[in-house]
Amino acid sequence: MTLRGSGSFQRDRLPSTPAYFGSIGLNLRGRGPWRSGLCPFHNDSTPSLRVNVGSGAFRCMACGAHGGDVLEFHRQRTGKGFVEAARELGAWVGSR
């Protein structure tokens, strides 16, 4: 994917779901593809965030935050745009 000739998005360079969530200090619990954790998008006291450790898809059963991969989670958590978030995660290759 190329945006405005300034570089390209390389999905295969995104961190793995477990690595990303570990790096931000979010502990995912459970077994199987869907794990639970405390949602960072609201004041969560019981694990309401569900994360698919294979794809990175996520959904909070309490506040409704959702998305399809770690890039979208990072964008929502930080408020950054696509290119900036992809750069931070090492998935944007090319010029600034």
N, C-alpha and C. Protein backbone atom coordinates (compact mmCIF):
# COMPACT_ATOMS: atom_id res chain seq x y z
N MET A 1 0.84 -1.18 0.00
CA MET A 1 0.00 0.00 0.00
C MET A 1 0.89 1.24 0.00
N THR A 2 0.68 2.14 -0.91
CA THR A 2 1.45 3.38 -1.00
C THR A 2 0.52 4.57 -0.83
N LEU A 3 0.91 5.51 0.02
CA LEU A 3 0.13 6.72 0.23
C LEU A 3 0.97 7.92 -0.16
N ARG A 4 0.50 8.70 -1.13
CA ARG A 4 1.14 9.93 -1.55
C ARG A 4 2.63 9.79 -1.87
N GLY A 5 3.08 8.64 -2.29
CA GLY A 5 4.46 8.45 -2.70
C GLY A 5 5.49 8.63 -1.60
N SER A 6 5.07 8.65 -0.34
CA SER A 6 5.98 8.95 0.74
C SER A 6 6.47 7.72 1.50
N GLY A 7 6.19 6.57 1.02
CA GLY A 7 6.59 5.34 1.69
C GLY A 7 5.54 4.28 1.45
N SER A 8 5.67 3.19 2.17
CA SER A 8 4.68 2.14 1.99
C SER A 8 4.44 1.38 3.29
N PHE A 9 3.23 0.91 3.43
CA PHE A 9 2.82 0.14 4.58
C PHE A 9 3.17 -1.32 4.33
N GLN A 10 3.85 -1.93 5.28
CA GLN A 10 4.25 -3.34 5.20
C GLN A 10 3.61 -4.09 6.37
N ARG A 11 2.43 -4.67 6.13
CA ARG A 11 1.68 -5.36 7.19
C ARG A 11 2.52 -6.42 7.91
N ASP A 12 3.37 -7.11 7.17
CA ASP A 12 4.17 -8.18 7.78
C ASP A 12 5.19 -7.65 8.78
N ARG A 13 5.38 -6.34 8.84
CA ARG A 13 6.32 -5.75 9.79
C ARG A 13 5.66 -5.31 11.09
N LEU A 14 4.33 -5.43 11.16
CA LEU A 14 3.64 -5.13 12.42
C LEU A 14 4.10 -6.12 13.49
N PRO A 15 4.18 -5.70 14.74
CA PRO A 15 4.55 -6.64 15.80
C PRO A 15 3.45 -7.68 15.97
N SER A 16 3.82 -8.85 16.48
CA SER A 16 2.80 -9.86 16.76
C SER A 16 1.86 -9.32 17.83
N THR A 17 0.67 -9.84 17.87
CA THR A 17 -0.31 -9.39 18.85
C THR A 17 0.20 -9.57 20.28
N PRO A 18 0.71 -10.76 20.66
CA PRO A 18 1.22 -10.90 22.03
C PRO A 18 2.38 -9.95 22.33
N ALA A 19 3.27 -9.74 21.37
CA ALA A 19 4.40 -8.83 21.59
C ALA A 19 3.92 -7.40 21.78
N TYR A 20 2.99 -6.96 20.96
CA TYR A 20 2.48 -5.59 21.08
C TYR A 20 1.81 -5.37 22.43
N PHE A 21 0.87 -6.24 22.78
CA PHE A 21 0.14 -6.05 24.03
C PHE A 21 1.07 -6.18 25.23
N GLY A 22 2.06 -7.04 25.16
CA GLY A 22 3.06 -7.13 26.23
C GLY A 22 3.86 -5.85 26.35
N SER A 23 4.19 -5.23 25.22
CA SER A 23 5.01 -4.01 25.24
C SER A 23 4.28 -2.82 25.85
N ILE A 24 2.96 -2.83 25.82
CA ILE A 24 2.20 -1.72 26.42
C ILE A 24 1.70 -2.08 27.82
N GLY A 25 2.11 -3.25 28.31
CA GLY A 25 1.77 -3.65 29.67
C GLY A 25 0.36 -4.17 29.86
N LEU A 26 -0.27 -4.60 28.77
CA LEU A 26 -1.61 -5.14 28.88
C LEU A 26 -1.51 -6.67 28.93
N ASN A 27 -1.90 -7.22 30.06
CA ASN A 27 -1.81 -8.65 30.28
C ASN A 27 -3.06 -9.34 29.73
N LEU A 28 -2.87 -10.22 28.75
CA LEU A 28 -3.99 -10.97 28.19
C LEU A 28 -4.05 -12.34 28.85
N ARG A 29 -5.24 -12.70 29.32
CA ARG A 29 -5.41 -13.97 30.02
C ARG A 29 -6.37 -14.88 29.27
N GLY A 30 -6.19 -16.17 29.50
CA GLY A 30 -7.08 -17.15 28.90
C GLY A 30 -6.33 -18.07 27.96
N ARG A 31 -7.09 -18.94 27.35
CA ARG A 31 -6.55 -19.89 26.37
C ARG A 31 -7.34 -19.79 25.09
N GLY A 32 -6.80 -20.34 24.05
CA GLY A 32 -7.48 -20.27 22.77
C GLY A 32 -7.17 -18.96 22.06
N PRO A 33 -7.81 -18.74 20.93
CA PRO A 33 -7.48 -17.56 20.14
C PRO A 33 -7.94 -16.24 20.76
N TRP A 34 -9.02 -16.24 21.52
CA TRP A 34 -9.54 -15.01 22.13
C TRP A 34 -9.14 -14.95 23.59
N ARG A 35 -8.46 -13.86 23.97
CA ARG A 35 -8.01 -13.67 25.35
C ARG A 35 -8.66 -12.41 25.91
N SER A 36 -8.63 -12.29 27.22
CA SER A 36 -9.26 -11.15 27.91
C SER A 36 -8.23 -10.31 28.63
N GLY A 37 -8.53 -9.02 28.74
CA GLY A 37 -7.68 -8.10 29.48
C GLY A 37 -8.46 -6.86 29.88
N LEU A 38 -7.83 -6.02 30.69
CA LEU A 38 -8.45 -4.76 31.08
C LEU A 38 -8.41 -3.80 29.90
N CYS A 39 -9.52 -3.17 29.63
CA CYS A 39 -9.62 -2.25 28.50
C CYS A 39 -8.99 -0.90 28.85
N PRO A 40 -8.06 -0.41 28.03
CA PRO A 40 -7.44 0.89 28.30
C PRO A 40 -8.29 2.08 27.84
N PHE A 41 -9.42 1.81 27.20
CA PHE A 41 -10.24 2.88 26.65
C PHE A 41 -11.28 3.42 27.63
N HIS A 42 -11.42 2.76 28.77
CA HIS A 42 -12.31 3.24 29.82
C HIS A 42 -11.78 2.73 31.16
N ASN A 43 -12.35 3.19 32.24
CA ASN A 43 -11.93 2.78 33.58
C ASN A 43 -12.45 1.37 33.85
N ASP A 44 -11.65 0.38 33.51
CA ASP A 44 -12.06 -1.02 33.57
C ASP A 44 -11.51 -1.69 34.83
N SER A 45 -12.37 -2.36 35.56
CA SER A 45 -11.92 -3.07 36.76
C SER A 45 -12.03 -4.58 36.62
N THR A 46 -12.80 -5.03 35.64
CA THR A 46 -12.87 -6.45 35.31
C THR A 46 -12.57 -6.60 33.83
N PRO A 47 -11.82 -7.60 33.43
CA PRO A 47 -11.42 -7.73 32.03
C PRO A 47 -12.61 -7.79 31.06
N SER A 48 -12.80 -6.71 30.33
CA SER A 48 -13.90 -6.65 29.37
C SER A 48 -13.39 -6.60 27.93
N LEU A 49 -12.08 -6.45 27.75
CA LEU A 49 -11.49 -6.40 26.41
C LEU A 49 -11.18 -7.81 25.94
N ARG A 50 -11.65 -8.14 24.74
CA ARG A 50 -11.36 -9.45 24.13
C ARG A 50 -10.44 -9.20 22.94
N VAL A 51 -9.35 -9.97 22.87
CA VAL A 51 -8.35 -9.81 21.81
C VAL A 51 -8.08 -11.15 21.16
N ASN A 52 -8.10 -11.18 19.84
CA ASN A 52 -7.72 -12.39 19.10
C ASN A 52 -6.21 -12.35 18.92
N VAL A 53 -5.50 -13.30 19.54
CA VAL A 53 -4.04 -13.25 19.51
C VAL A 53 -3.46 -13.61 18.14
N GLY A 54 -4.25 -14.16 17.26
CA GLY A 54 -3.78 -14.45 15.92
C GLY A 54 -3.86 -13.25 14.99
N SER A 55 -5.02 -12.63 14.95
CA SER A 55 -5.24 -11.54 14.01
C SER A 55 -5.04 -10.15 14.61
N GLY A 56 -5.17 -10.04 15.92
CA GLY A 56 -5.10 -8.74 16.57
C GLY A 56 -6.45 -8.05 16.69
N ALA A 57 -7.50 -8.68 16.17
CA ALA A 57 -8.84 -8.10 16.29
C ALA A 57 -9.18 -7.93 17.77
N PHE A 58 -9.93 -6.88 18.08
CA PHE A 58 -10.28 -6.63 19.47
C PHE A 58 -11.67 -6.04 19.59
N ARG A 59 -12.28 -6.26 20.75
CA ARG A 59 -13.58 -5.67 21.06
C ARG A 59 -13.73 -5.59 22.56
N CYS A 60 -14.13 -4.43 23.03
CA CYS A 60 -14.43 -4.28 24.44
C CYS A 60 -15.93 -4.51 24.62
N MET A 61 -16.27 -5.43 25.49
CA MET A 61 -17.68 -5.76 25.72
C MET A 61 -18.38 -4.70 26.56
N ALA A 62 -17.63 -3.79 27.16
CA ALA A 62 -18.24 -2.74 27.99
C ALA A 62 -18.39 -1.42 27.23
N CYS A 63 -17.30 -0.92 26.64
CA CYS A 63 -17.36 0.41 26.00
C CYS A 63 -17.56 0.35 24.49
N GLY A 64 -17.38 -0.84 23.89
CA GLY A 64 -17.61 -0.99 22.46
C GLY A 64 -16.43 -0.69 21.56
N ALA A 65 -15.28 -0.32 22.12
CA ALA A 65 -14.09 -0.10 21.28
C ALA A 65 -13.81 -1.38 20.49
N HIS A 66 -13.46 -1.24 19.22
CA HIS A 66 -13.20 -2.43 18.41
C HIS A 66 -12.34 -2.08 17.20
N GLY A 67 -11.74 -3.11 16.63
CA GLY A 67 -10.92 -2.95 15.44
C GLY A 67 -10.36 -4.29 15.01
N GLY A 68 -9.61 -4.27 13.91
CA GLY A 68 -9.19 -5.51 13.29
C GLY A 68 -7.75 -5.94 13.47
N ASP A 69 -6.88 -5.07 14.04
CA ASP A 69 -5.49 -5.47 14.20
C ASP A 69 -4.77 -4.56 15.20
N VAL A 70 -3.49 -4.86 15.46
CA VAL A 70 -2.74 -4.06 16.43
C VAL A 70 -2.54 -2.62 15.96
N LEU A 71 -2.48 -2.40 14.67
CA LEU A 71 -2.33 -1.03 14.16
C LEU A 71 -3.55 -0.20 14.54
N GLU A 72 -4.73 -0.73 14.34
CA GLU A 72 -5.94 0.01 14.70
C GLU A 72 -6.03 0.20 16.21
N PHE A 73 -5.63 -0.79 16.99
CA PHE A 73 -5.62 -0.65 18.45
C PHE A 73 -4.68 0.49 18.83
N HIS A 74 -3.49 0.50 18.25
CA HIS A 74 -2.50 1.53 18.54
C HIS A 74 -3.02 2.92 18.14
N ARG A 75 -3.67 3.01 17.00
CA ARG A 75 -4.24 4.28 16.55
C ARG A 75 -5.28 4.79 17.54
N GLN A 76 -6.16 3.92 17.99
CA GLN A 76 -7.20 4.34 18.92
C GLN A 76 -6.60 4.70 20.28
N ARG A 77 -5.62 3.95 20.72
CA ARG A 77 -5.01 4.19 22.03
C ARG A 77 -4.22 5.48 22.05
N THR A 78 -3.54 5.81 20.95
CA THR A 78 -2.67 6.99 20.92
C THR A 78 -3.29 8.20 20.23
N GLY A 79 -4.36 7.99 19.46
CA GLY A 79 -4.97 9.10 18.72
C GLY A 79 -4.19 9.51 17.48
N LYS A 80 -3.28 8.66 17.03
CA LYS A 80 -2.44 8.98 15.87
C LYS A 80 -3.09 8.52 14.58
N GLY A 81 -2.65 9.13 13.49
CA GLY A 81 -3.12 8.76 12.17
C GLY A 81 -2.46 7.48 11.70
N PHE A 82 -2.90 7.00 10.55
CA PHE A 82 -2.43 5.73 10.01
C PHE A 82 -0.91 5.70 9.82
N VAL A 83 -0.38 6.66 9.09
CA VAL A 83 1.05 6.64 8.75
C VAL A 83 1.90 6.78 10.00
N GLU A 84 1.56 7.72 10.87
CA GLU A 84 2.34 7.92 12.09
C GLU A 84 2.32 6.68 12.98
N ALA A 85 1.15 6.07 13.14
CA ALA A 85 1.04 4.86 13.96
C ALA A 85 1.82 3.70 13.32
N ALA A 86 1.72 3.56 11.99
CA ALA A 86 2.46 2.50 11.30
C ALA A 86 3.96 2.71 11.45
N ARG A 87 4.42 3.96 11.39
CA ARG A 87 5.84 4.25 11.61
C ARG A 87 6.27 3.82 13.00
N GLU A 88 5.48 4.19 14.00
CA GLU A 88 5.82 3.85 15.39
C GLU A 88 5.92 2.35 15.60
N LEU A 89 5.12 1.59 14.87
CA LEU A 89 5.12 0.13 15.01
C LEU A 89 6.12 -0.54 14.07
N GLY A 90 6.84 0.24 13.27
CA GLY A 90 7.85 -0.31 12.37
C GLY A 90 7.31 -0.88 11.09
N ALA A 91 6.07 -0.52 10.75
CA ALA A 91 5.43 -1.09 9.56
C ALA A 91 5.35 -0.11 8.40
N TRP A 92 5.94 1.07 8.55
CA TRP A 92 5.96 2.05 7.47
C TRP A 92 7.40 2.15 6.98
N VAL A 93 7.60 1.87 5.71
CA VAL A 93 8.93 1.86 5.13
C VAL A 93 9.02 2.98 4.10
N GLY A 94 10.03 3.79 4.22
CA GLY A 94 10.23 4.84 3.23
C GLY A 94 10.41 6.19 3.88
N SER A 95 10.29 7.21 3.07
CA SER A 95 10.55 8.56 3.53
C SER A 95 9.45 9.06 4.46
N ARG A 96 9.78 10.09 5.18
CA ARG A 96 8.83 10.69 6.12
C ARG A 96 7.94 11.58 5.33
